[in-house]
Amino acid sequence: MNRTNQENAVSVKALEKRFGSFVAVNKISLDVKRGEIFGFLGPNGAGKSTTIRMLCGILTPDGGSGTVGGLDVCTQSEEIKRNIGYMSQKFSLYEDLTVEENIDFYSGIYQIPAHKKRERKEWAISMAGLEKHRHTRTGFLAGGWKQRLSLGCAILHEPPALFLDEPTSGVDPISRRRFWDLISDLARNNITIFVTTHYMDEAEYCDRIALIYRGEMIALGAPRTLKTEQSGNHFFEVTCRNPMAAVEAVQDLPGVKEAAVFGTTFHLATDSPATADRVLGLLRQQGFSEAAMEKVAPTLEDVFVSLIEDYDRSHQAQIEVSQ
């Protein structure tokens, strides 16, 4: 194995998964370094969960190749399952068991040696902050505590890589933030974290992110890089009365890549500052005399929506040409 592969916890090339005629994952290629927090972002149905299930040995790819911890995703799925941690929003905790009993159960599933079971249990309880709840039935725990317990159970066997599939779905913002604090602590101990999410704010906690849409990876890079370099568009915040009507007036103009209401304002993405000036002039001509515009740094949501709009326009143009 070459040095590059040794430094990568995950490496995939042209990975594919089809369900009948539907292409769920379309030739995705990426590398994830050891100890990296890697975010896999996209809307529901984009192909995130399908990809992570292939990497975890749950689904067999229909094309391409890949390794997780040096193990082949096509031929060594059982070995991969034994050497990773996996947690999803539907992680199977047993609600009739106490916190300790759930941990004991998963210790057995992972075949943790008897002499290490107590040590690992105490570590998991401490890591999750569940000392006062160790004898509580899991079904009585709030969602955030269940989430921490799930994480503790997923890494009892000290895996070098942890796969998290929408782990914070349905959890309140404070619990989500605390969960990400735990994730950061694990990464500092050189555990590789591969996490799927549709929450754009969570991407800021990742070292790098991939944006996936309709089964294809449409962007890859550090959050800061994506916001400053990935999109060639220019972003503005427009203040005016009735922003919804203003968006409808300008969204189809040449050079306007995206216009969307954002609270009491609307965000505008254009191909150039000159286009933005024309938009402002048009708004004032159409009765929005008080309209004001300010150039802003894009959020990840701005960039992602802009990239999706570009993707859809490009593919629609291809369809029209082929017809």
Protein backbone atom coordinates (compact mmCIF):
# COMPACT_ATOMS: atom_id res chain seq x y z
CA MET A 1 0.00 0.00 0.00
CA ASN A 2 1.41 3.41 -0.94
CA ARG A 3 1.90 6.26 1.50
CA THR A 4 -1.11 8.22 0.19
CA ASN A 5 -3.47 5.33 0.90
CA GLN A 6 -1.96 4.87 4.37
CA GLU A 7 -2.78 8.49 5.19
CA ASN A 8 -6.38 8.15 4.01
CA ALA A 9 -8.98 6.57 6.25
CA VAL A 10 -11.44 6.48 3.34
CA SER A 11 -10.66 6.44 -0.35
CA VAL A 12 -13.26 5.92 -3.09
CA LYS A 13 -13.14 6.27 -6.85
CA ALA A 14 -16.15 6.48 -9.18
CA LEU A 15 -18.41 4.83 -6.58
CA GLU A 16 -21.88 3.97 -7.90
CA LYS A 17 -25.14 2.59 -6.56
CA ARG A 18 -28.27 1.95 -8.60
CA PHE A 19 -31.73 0.78 -7.63
CA GLY A 20 -33.23 -0.47 -10.87
CA SER A 21 -32.98 2.41 -13.34
CA PHE A 22 -32.52 4.99 -10.56
CA VAL A 23 -28.94 6.11 -9.98
CA ALA A 24 -28.69 6.93 -6.28
CA VAL A 25 -24.93 7.56 -6.25
CA ASN A 26 -23.23 8.59 -9.46
CA LYS A 27 -19.46 8.04 -9.73
CA ILE A 28 -18.39 9.75 -6.49
CA SER A 29 -14.65 10.03 -5.83
CA LEU A 30 -13.11 11.36 -2.60
CA ASP A 31 -10.43 10.80 0.03
CA VAL A 32 -10.78 11.35 3.77
CA LYS A 33 -7.63 11.79 5.82
CA ARG A 34 -7.05 10.07 9.12
CA GLY A 35 -8.25 12.18 12.03
CA GLU A 36 -10.31 14.43 9.77
CA ILE A 37 -13.89 15.55 10.39
CA PHE A 38 -15.43 15.14 6.95
CA GLY A 39 -18.94 16.40 6.30
CA PHE A 40 -21.21 14.99 3.60
CA LEU A 41 -23.96 17.54 2.98
CA GLY A 42 -27.02 17.53 0.83
CA PRO A 43 -30.81 17.68 0.82
CA ASN A 44 -32.92 14.65 1.66
CA GLY A 45 -32.71 12.07 -1.11
CA ALA A 46 -29.39 13.37 -2.46
CA GLY A 47 -27.53 10.08 -1.91
CA LYS A 48 -25.81 10.76 1.41
CA SER A 49 -27.14 7.76 3.33
CA THR A 50 -26.65 5.41 0.38
CA THR A 51 -23.00 6.44 0.16
CA ILE A 52 -22.33 6.02 3.86
CA ARG A 53 -24.00 2.59 3.84
CA MET A 54 -21.68 1.46 1.07
CA LEU A 55 -18.68 2.71 3.05
CA CYS A 56 -19.90 0.86 6.14
CA GLY A 57 -20.31 -2.45 4.32
CA ILE A 58 -24.11 -2.41 4.53
CA LEU A 59 -24.68 -1.98 0.78
CA THR A 60 -22.55 -3.37 -2.05
CA PRO A 61 -21.52 -0.83 -4.71
CA ASP A 62 -22.62 -1.42 -8.30
CA GLY A 63 -19.56 0.27 -9.71
CA GLY A 64 -16.29 1.90 -8.80
CA SER A 65 -13.95 1.01 -5.97
CA GLY A 66 -13.11 2.08 -2.45
CA THR A 67 -11.37 1.30 0.80
CA VAL A 68 -12.13 2.06 4.44
CA GLY A 69 -9.17 1.61 6.72
CA GLY A 70 -7.45 -0.24 3.87
CA LEU A 71 -10.34 -2.73 3.56
CA ASP A 72 -12.15 -3.13 0.24
CA VAL A 73 -15.79 -1.95 0.29
CA CYS A 74 -16.74 -4.50 -2.38
CA THR A 75 -15.12 -7.63 -0.97
CA GLN A 76 -14.40 -7.04 2.75
CA SER A 77 -17.69 -5.65 4.07
CA GLU A 78 -17.76 -7.86 7.18
CA GLU A 79 -14.23 -6.82 8.16
CA ILE A 80 -15.18 -3.18 7.68
CA LYS A 81 -18.19 -3.55 9.99
CA ARG A 82 -15.95 -4.91 12.75
CA ASN A 83 -13.45 -2.07 12.41
CA ILE A 84 -15.63 1.03 12.34
CA GLY A 85 -18.17 2.77 14.50
CA TYR A 86 -21.57 3.51 12.95
CA MET A 87 -24.40 5.64 14.26
CA SER A 88 -27.53 6.88 12.55
CA GLN A 89 -30.59 8.84 13.63
CA LYS A 90 -32.23 5.45 14.18
CA PHE A 91 -29.40 3.90 16.19
CA SER A 92 -30.82 0.86 17.97
CA LEU A 93 -30.85 1.59 21.67
CA TYR A 94 -33.00 -0.69 23.78
CA GLU A 95 -35.39 1.58 25.63
CA ASP A 96 -36.36 -0.99 28.26
CA LEU A 97 -32.70 -1.29 29.31
CA THR A 98 -30.86 1.16 31.54
CA VAL A 99 -27.92 3.22 30.28
CA GLU A 100 -25.47 0.72 31.81
CA GLU A 101 -27.35 -2.27 30.41
CA ASN A 102 -27.29 -0.85 26.90
CA ILE A 103 -23.54 -0.32 27.15
CA ASP A 104 -23.08 -3.86 28.51
CA PHE A 105 -25.12 -5.23 25.61
CA TYR A 106 -23.01 -3.46 22.98
CA SER A 107 -19.83 -4.48 24.75
CA GLY A 108 -20.90 -8.04 24.06
CA ILE A 109 -21.84 -7.30 20.43
CA TYR A 110 -18.39 -5.79 19.84
CA GLN A 111 -16.69 -8.64 21.74
CA ILE A 112 -14.77 -6.30 24.01
CA PRO A 113 -12.39 -8.37 26.20
CA ALA A 114 -13.68 -8.96 29.72
CA HIS A 115 -10.77 -7.13 31.33
CA LYS A 116 -11.60 -3.96 29.35
CA LYS A 117 -15.39 -3.90 29.62
CA ARG A 118 -15.62 -1.90 32.86
CA GLU A 119 -12.98 0.58 31.73
CA ARG A 120 -14.76 1.19 28.41
CA LYS A 121 -18.16 1.46 30.10
CA GLU A 122 -16.91 4.07 32.54
CA TRP A 123 -15.26 5.95 29.69
CA ALA A 124 -18.49 5.97 27.63
CA ILE A 125 -20.60 7.14 30.58
CA SER A 126 -18.11 9.90 31.41
CA MET A 127 -17.69 10.98 27.78
CA ALA A 128 -21.46 11.29 27.39
CA GLY A 129 -21.95 13.01 30.75
CA LEU A 130 -24.36 10.29 31.87
CA GLU A 131 -22.96 9.64 35.35
CA LYS A 132 -26.24 10.65 37.02
CA HIS A 133 -28.31 8.64 34.55
CA ARG A 134 -26.42 5.34 34.52
CA HIS A 135 -29.31 3.48 36.16
CA THR A 136 -32.05 5.30 34.23
CA ARG A 137 -34.12 3.38 31.71
CA THR A 138 -33.11 4.61 28.29
CA GLY A 139 -36.71 5.22 27.25
CA PHE A 140 -36.95 7.93 29.92
CA LEU A 141 -33.96 9.89 28.58
CA ALA A 142 -34.39 13.12 26.61
CA GLY A 143 -33.35 13.05 22.95
CA GLY A 144 -29.99 14.70 23.53
CA TRP A 145 -29.03 12.15 26.21
CA LYS A 146 -30.07 9.25 23.97
CA GLN A 147 -27.90 10.69 21.24
CA ARG A 148 -24.86 10.80 23.54
CA LEU A 149 -25.51 7.26 24.72
CA SER A 150 -25.75 6.12 21.08
CA LEU A 151 -22.40 7.73 20.38
CA GLY A 152 -20.83 6.05 23.39
CA CYS A 153 -22.14 2.64 22.32
CA ALA A 154 -20.90 3.19 18.74
CA ILE A 155 -17.29 3.71 19.83
CA LEU A 156 -17.01 1.29 22.75
CA HIS A 157 -14.64 -0.89 20.71
CA GLU A 158 -12.33 2.07 19.97
CA PRO A 159 -12.72 2.13 16.18
CA PRO A 160 -10.29 4.30 14.19
CA ALA A 161 -13.15 5.65 12.07
CA LEU A 162 -16.68 6.69 13.02
CA PHE A 163 -19.53 7.06 10.53
CA LEU A 164 -22.46 9.22 11.59
CA ASP A 165 -25.55 9.22 9.37
CA GLU A 166 -27.81 12.20 10.14
CA PRO A 167 -27.01 11.77 13.85
CA THR A 168 -28.56 15.05 15.00
CA SER A 169 -31.83 14.87 13.09
CA GLY A 170 -34.70 15.89 15.34
CA VAL A 171 -32.45 17.03 18.19
CA ASP A 172 -32.70 20.52 19.68
CA PRO A 173 -29.99 23.10 18.81
CA ILE A 174 -28.32 23.07 22.23
CA SER A 175 -28.01 19.27 22.20
CA ARG A 176 -26.67 19.43 18.63
CA ARG A 177 -23.97 21.87 19.71
CA ARG A 178 -22.95 19.71 22.66
CA PHE A 179 -22.87 16.65 20.42
CA TRP A 180 -20.46 18.41 18.07
CA ASP A 181 -18.22 19.28 21.03
CA LEU A 182 -17.94 15.53 21.67
CA ILE A 183 -17.17 14.91 17.99
CA SER A 184 -14.37 17.49 18.06
CA ASP A 185 -12.86 15.82 21.13
CA LEU A 186 -12.85 12.46 19.33
CA ALA A 187 -11.17 13.95 16.26
CA ARG A 188 -8.43 15.45 18.45
CA ASN A 189 -7.67 11.85 19.47
CA ASN A 190 -7.10 10.96 15.80
CA ILE A 191 -10.46 9.27 15.21
CA THR A 192 -11.71 9.90 11.68
CA ILE A 193 -15.25 11.26 11.57
CA PHE A 194 -17.42 10.91 8.45
CA VAL A 195 -20.78 12.59 9.02
CA THR A 196 -23.80 13.16 6.80
CA THR A 197 -26.15 16.02 7.51
CA HIS A 198 -28.53 18.46 5.87
CA TYR A 199 -27.87 21.15 8.49
CA MET A 200 -25.65 23.78 6.87
CA ASP A 201 -24.53 25.23 10.21
CA GLU A 202 -23.03 21.86 11.18
CA ALA A 203 -20.71 22.02 8.18
CA GLU A 204 -18.78 24.80 9.92
CA TYR A 205 -17.51 22.23 12.43
CA CYS A 206 -15.99 20.08 9.67
CA ASP A 207 -12.44 20.24 8.33
CA ARG A 208 -13.77 19.62 4.82
CA ILE A 209 -17.16 19.04 3.29
CA ALA A 210 -18.56 17.51 0.14
CA LEU A 211 -21.83 18.80 -1.27
CA ILE A 212 -23.93 16.08 -2.92
CA TYR A 213 -26.98 16.64 -5.07
CA ARG A 214 -28.98 14.14 -7.10
CA GLY A 215 -26.34 11.49 -6.48
CA GLU A 216 -23.44 13.63 -7.71
CA MET A 217 -20.75 15.47 -5.78
CA ILE A 218 -20.96 19.08 -6.90
CA ALA A 219 -18.36 20.65 -4.59
CA LEU A 220 -15.55 19.62 -2.25
CA GLY A 221 -13.37 21.66 0.08
CA ALA A 222 -12.96 23.38 3.44
CA PRO A 223 -16.00 25.47 4.46
CA ARG A 224 -14.01 28.71 4.21
CA THR A 225 -12.70 27.75 0.77
CA LEU A 226 -16.15 26.92 -0.55
CA LYS A 227 -17.50 30.26 0.65
CA THR A 228 -14.67 32.31 -0.85
CA GLU A 229 -13.60 30.39 -3.94
CA GLN A 230 -16.01 27.68 -5.05
CA SER A 231 -18.79 29.87 -6.32
CA GLY A 232 -17.97 32.45 -8.96
CA ASN A 233 -21.10 34.37 -8.04
CA HIS A 234 -21.40 37.66 -6.19
CA PHE A 235 -23.72 37.84 -3.18
CA PHE A 236 -25.78 40.77 -1.92
CA GLU A 237 -28.36 41.46 0.75
CA VAL A 238 -31.24 43.58 -0.48
CA THR A 239 -33.42 45.55 1.93
CA CYS A 240 -36.83 46.70 0.69
CA ARG A 241 -40.51 46.52 1.50
CA ASN A 242 -42.27 43.32 0.47
CA PRO A 243 -39.14 41.28 -0.33
CA MET A 244 -41.25 38.42 -1.70
CA ALA A 245 -42.64 40.65 -4.46
CA ALA A 246 -39.16 42.03 -5.13
CA VAL A 247 -37.76 38.51 -5.58
CA GLU A 248 -40.52 37.69 -8.07
CA ALA A 249 -39.65 40.84 -10.02
CA VAL A 250 -35.94 40.05 -10.45
CA GLN A 251 -35.40 36.29 -10.17
CA ASP A 252 -35.63 35.62 -13.93
CA LEU A 253 -33.43 38.49 -15.06
CA PRO A 254 -30.26 37.64 -17.09
CA GLY A 255 -27.28 37.28 -14.78
CA VAL A 256 -29.34 36.61 -11.66
CA LYS A 257 -28.27 33.21 -10.36
CA GLU A 258 -30.46 33.07 -7.29
CA ALA A 259 -32.84 35.29 -5.34
CA ALA A 260 -34.44 34.15 -2.11
CA VAL A 261 -36.23 35.77 0.80
CA PHE A 262 -34.04 35.83 3.90
CA GLY A 263 -36.06 37.05 6.87
CA THR A 264 -37.07 40.66 6.22
CA THR A 265 -34.55 41.00 3.37
CA PHE A 266 -33.63 38.90 0.37
CA HIS A 267 -30.32 37.43 -0.72
CA LEU A 268 -29.24 37.90 -4.30
CA ALA A 269 -26.56 35.98 -6.22
CA THR A 270 -25.42 37.44 -9.53
CA ASP A 271 -22.75 36.78 -12.13
CA SER A 272 -21.22 40.23 -11.63
CA PRO A 273 -21.52 43.45 -9.61
CA ALA A 274 -22.82 45.15 -12.77
CA THR A 275 -25.80 42.77 -12.82
CA ALA A 276 -26.50 43.64 -9.19
CA ASP A 277 -26.51 47.34 -10.06
CA ARG A 278 -29.02 46.68 -12.85
CA VAL A 279 -31.23 44.72 -10.44
CA LEU A 280 -31.21 47.60 -7.97
CA GLY A 281 -32.08 50.08 -10.70
CA LEU A 282 -34.96 47.90 -11.91
CA LEU A 283 -36.35 47.54 -8.41
CA ARG A 284 -36.41 51.30 -7.96
CA GLN A 285 -38.10 51.73 -11.34
CA GLN A 286 -40.79 49.24 -10.33
CA GLY A 287 -41.79 51.08 -7.19
CA PHE A 288 -39.24 49.82 -4.65
CA SER A 289 -37.78 53.31 -4.30
CA GLU A 290 -36.31 52.62 -0.86
CA ALA A 291 -34.45 49.47 -1.99
CA ALA A 292 -30.86 49.28 -0.73
CA MET A 293 -28.20 46.70 -1.51
CA GLU A 294 -25.07 45.62 0.36
CA LYS A 295 -22.44 43.12 -0.77
CA VAL A 296 -22.12 40.30 1.77
CA ALA A 297 -19.97 37.26 2.34
CA PRO A 298 -21.94 34.18 1.32
CA THR A 299 -23.10 31.65 3.84
CA LEU A 300 -22.67 27.98 3.07
CA GLU A 301 -26.38 27.86 2.42
CA ASP A 302 -25.99 30.66 -0.14
CA VAL A 303 -23.17 28.77 -1.86
CA PHE A 304 -25.00 25.46 -1.80
CA VAL A 305 -28.23 26.90 -3.21
CA SER A 306 -26.25 28.73 -5.86
CA LEU A 307 -24.42 25.57 -6.87
CA ILE A 308 -27.69 23.64 -7.05
CA GLU A 309 -29.22 26.35 -9.24
CA ASP A 310 -26.18 26.22 -11.53
CA TYR A 311 -26.40 22.42 -11.66
CA ASP A 312 -30.10 22.45 -12.55
CA ARG A 313 -29.63 25.12 -15.22
CA SER A 314 -26.71 23.24 -16.75
CA HIS A 315 -28.57 19.92 -16.88
CA GLN A 316 -31.73 21.55 -18.23
CA ALA A 317 -29.66 23.13 -21.01
CA GLN A 318 -28.15 19.73 -21.82
CA ILE A 319 -31.63 18.17 -22.03
CA GLU A 320 -32.84 20.93 -24.35
CA VAL A 321 -29.78 20.54 -26.61
CA SER A 322 -30.26 16.76 -26.80
CA GLN A 323 -33.89 17.24 -27.82
